Amino acid sequence: MYEHNGFVHIKDDLGRMRIRLNPPDRTTTYPHMHFYDKNKNLLDLDGNIVDFKSPEGHIPWNNGGN
């Protein structure tokens, strides 16, 4: 797990990105997370592959309840 400027990146044993926790930004104005499969595809909450710009791939996150 890596944290940098409010971003948290969780990688698997092979160094592949699996989960990203991001603060709000210009496009996604709320804290959100991204899930990735082993082939670097962005996933929705149900595990379906979605386009990297898809809103379904930007999953709201309550920042630990804060």
C-alpha atoms as a PDB file:
ATOM      1  CA  MET A   1       0.000   0.000   0.000  1.00  0.00           C
ATOM      2  CA  TYR A   2       1.301   3.431  -0.948  1.00  0.00           C
ATOM      3  CA  GLU A   3      -0.014   6.854   0.115  1.00  0.00           C
ATOM      4  CA  HIS A   4       0.890  10.097  -1.616  1.00  0.00           C
ATOM      5  CA  ASN A   5      -0.856  13.487  -1.340  1.00  0.00           C
ATOM      6  CA  GLY A   6      -4.207  11.992  -0.377  1.00  0.00           C
ATOM      7  CA  PHE A   7      -4.021   9.149  -2.892  1.00  0.00           C
ATOM      8  CA  VAL A   8      -3.761   5.564  -1.657  1.00  0.00           C
ATOM      9  CA  HIS A   9      -2.623   2.842  -4.066  1.00  0.00           C
ATOM     10  CA  ILE A  10      -2.958  -0.834  -3.212  1.00  0.00           C
ATOM     11  CA  LYS A  11      -0.993  -3.234  -5.389  1.00  0.00           C
ATOM     12  CA  ASP A  12      -0.932  -7.021  -5.530  1.00  0.00           C
ATOM     13  CA  ASP A  13       2.146  -9.188  -4.959  1.00  0.00           C
ATOM     14  CA  LEU A  14       3.209  -8.688  -8.585  1.00  0.00           C
ATOM     15  CA  GLY A  15       3.057  -4.895  -8.293  1.00  0.00           C
ATOM     16  CA  ARG A  16      -0.159  -4.514 -10.289  1.00  0.00           C
ATOM     17  CA  MET A  17      -2.525  -1.743  -9.223  1.00  0.00           C
ATOM     18  CA  ARG A  18      -5.669  -3.272  -7.709  1.00  0.00           C
ATOM     19  CA  ILE A  19      -7.326  -0.439  -5.739  1.00  0.00           C
ATOM     20  CA  ARG A  20      -6.877   3.327  -5.790  1.00  0.00           C
ATOM     21  CA  LEU A  21      -8.459   5.675  -3.248  1.00  0.00           C
ATOM     22  CA  ASN A  22      -8.585   9.223  -4.560  1.00  0.00           C
ATOM     23  CA  PRO A  23      -9.616  12.572  -3.106  1.00  0.00           C
ATOM     24  CA  PRO A  24     -12.052  14.765  -5.057  1.00  0.00           C
ATOM     25  CA  ASP A  25     -10.759  16.332  -8.269  1.00  0.00           C
ATOM     26  CA  ARG A  26     -12.051  18.580 -11.071  1.00  0.00           C
ATOM     27  CA  THR A  27     -13.918  15.752 -12.797  1.00  0.00           C
ATOM     28  CA  THR A  28     -14.962  13.564  -9.867  1.00  0.00           C
ATOM     29  CA  THR A  29     -15.932  16.016  -7.142  1.00  0.00           C
ATOM     30  CA  TYR A  30     -16.213  13.466  -4.342  1.00  0.00           C
ATOM     31  CA  PRO A  31     -13.803  11.013  -2.668  1.00  0.00           C
ATOM     32  CA  HIS A  32     -13.790   7.892  -4.809  1.00  0.00           C
ATOM     33  CA  MET A  33     -12.078   4.591  -5.434  1.00  0.00           C
ATOM     34  CA  HIS A  34     -11.116   2.561  -8.461  1.00  0.00           C
ATOM     35  CA  PHE A  35     -10.869  -1.238  -8.687  1.00  0.00           C
ATOM     36  CA  TYR A  36      -8.714  -2.995 -11.294  1.00  0.00           C
ATOM     37  CA  ASP A  37      -8.459  -6.593 -12.461  1.00  0.00           C
ATOM     38  CA  LYS A  38      -5.160  -8.392 -13.073  1.00  0.00           C
ATOM     39  CA  ASN A  39      -5.139  -7.090 -16.667  1.00  0.00           C
ATOM     40  CA  LYS A  40      -5.357  -3.433 -15.524  1.00  0.00           C
ATOM     41  CA  ASN A  41      -9.014  -3.107 -16.583  1.00  0.00           C
ATOM     42  CA  LEU A  42     -11.141  -0.706 -14.567  1.00  0.00           C
ATOM     43  CA  LEU A  43     -14.031  -2.448 -12.807  1.00  0.00           C
ATOM     44  CA  ASP A  44     -17.404  -1.304 -11.526  1.00  0.00           C
ATOM     45  CA  LEU A  45     -18.687  -2.222  -8.072  1.00  0.00           C
ATOM     46  CA  ASP A  46     -20.006  -5.547  -9.429  1.00  0.00           C
ATOM     47  CA  GLY A  47     -16.666  -6.504 -10.998  1.00  0.00           C
ATOM     48  CA  ASN A  48     -17.635  -5.730 -14.600  1.00  0.00           C
ATOM     49  CA  ILE A  49     -15.047  -4.136 -16.895  1.00  0.00           C
ATOM     50  CA  VAL A  50     -15.907  -0.506 -17.698  1.00  0.00           C
ATOM     51  CA  ASP A  51     -14.263   2.267 -19.722  1.00  0.00           C
ATOM     52  CA  PHE A  52     -11.605   4.167 -17.765  1.00  0.00           C
ATOM     53  CA  LYS A  53     -13.722   7.350 -18.015  1.00  0.00           C
ATOM     54  CA  SER A  54     -16.951   5.635 -16.955  1.00  0.00           C
ATOM     55  CA  PRO A  55     -18.704   7.050 -13.870  1.00  0.00           C
ATOM     56  CA  GLU A  56     -19.322   3.434 -12.800  1.00  0.00           C
ATOM     57  CA  GLY A  57     -15.551   3.055 -12.389  1.00  0.00           C
ATOM     58  CA  HIS A  58     -15.407   6.049 -10.016  1.00  0.00           C
ATOM     59  CA  ILE A  59     -16.990   4.527  -6.932  1.00  0.00           C
ATOM     60  CA  PRO A  60     -17.973   6.969  -4.158  1.00  0.00           C
ATOM     61  CA  TRP A  61     -16.028   6.499  -0.958  1.00  0.00           C
ATOM     62  CA  ASN A  62     -16.971   8.072   2.364  1.00  0.00           C
ATOM     63  CA  ASN A  63     -13.317   8.546   3.356  1.00  0.00           C
ATOM     64  CA  GLY A  64     -13.650   6.411   6.463  1.00  0.00           C
ATOM     65  CA  GLY A  65     -16.812   8.198   7.566  1.00  0.00           C
ATOM     66  CA  ASN A  66     -15.289  11.696   7.512  1.00  0.00           C
END
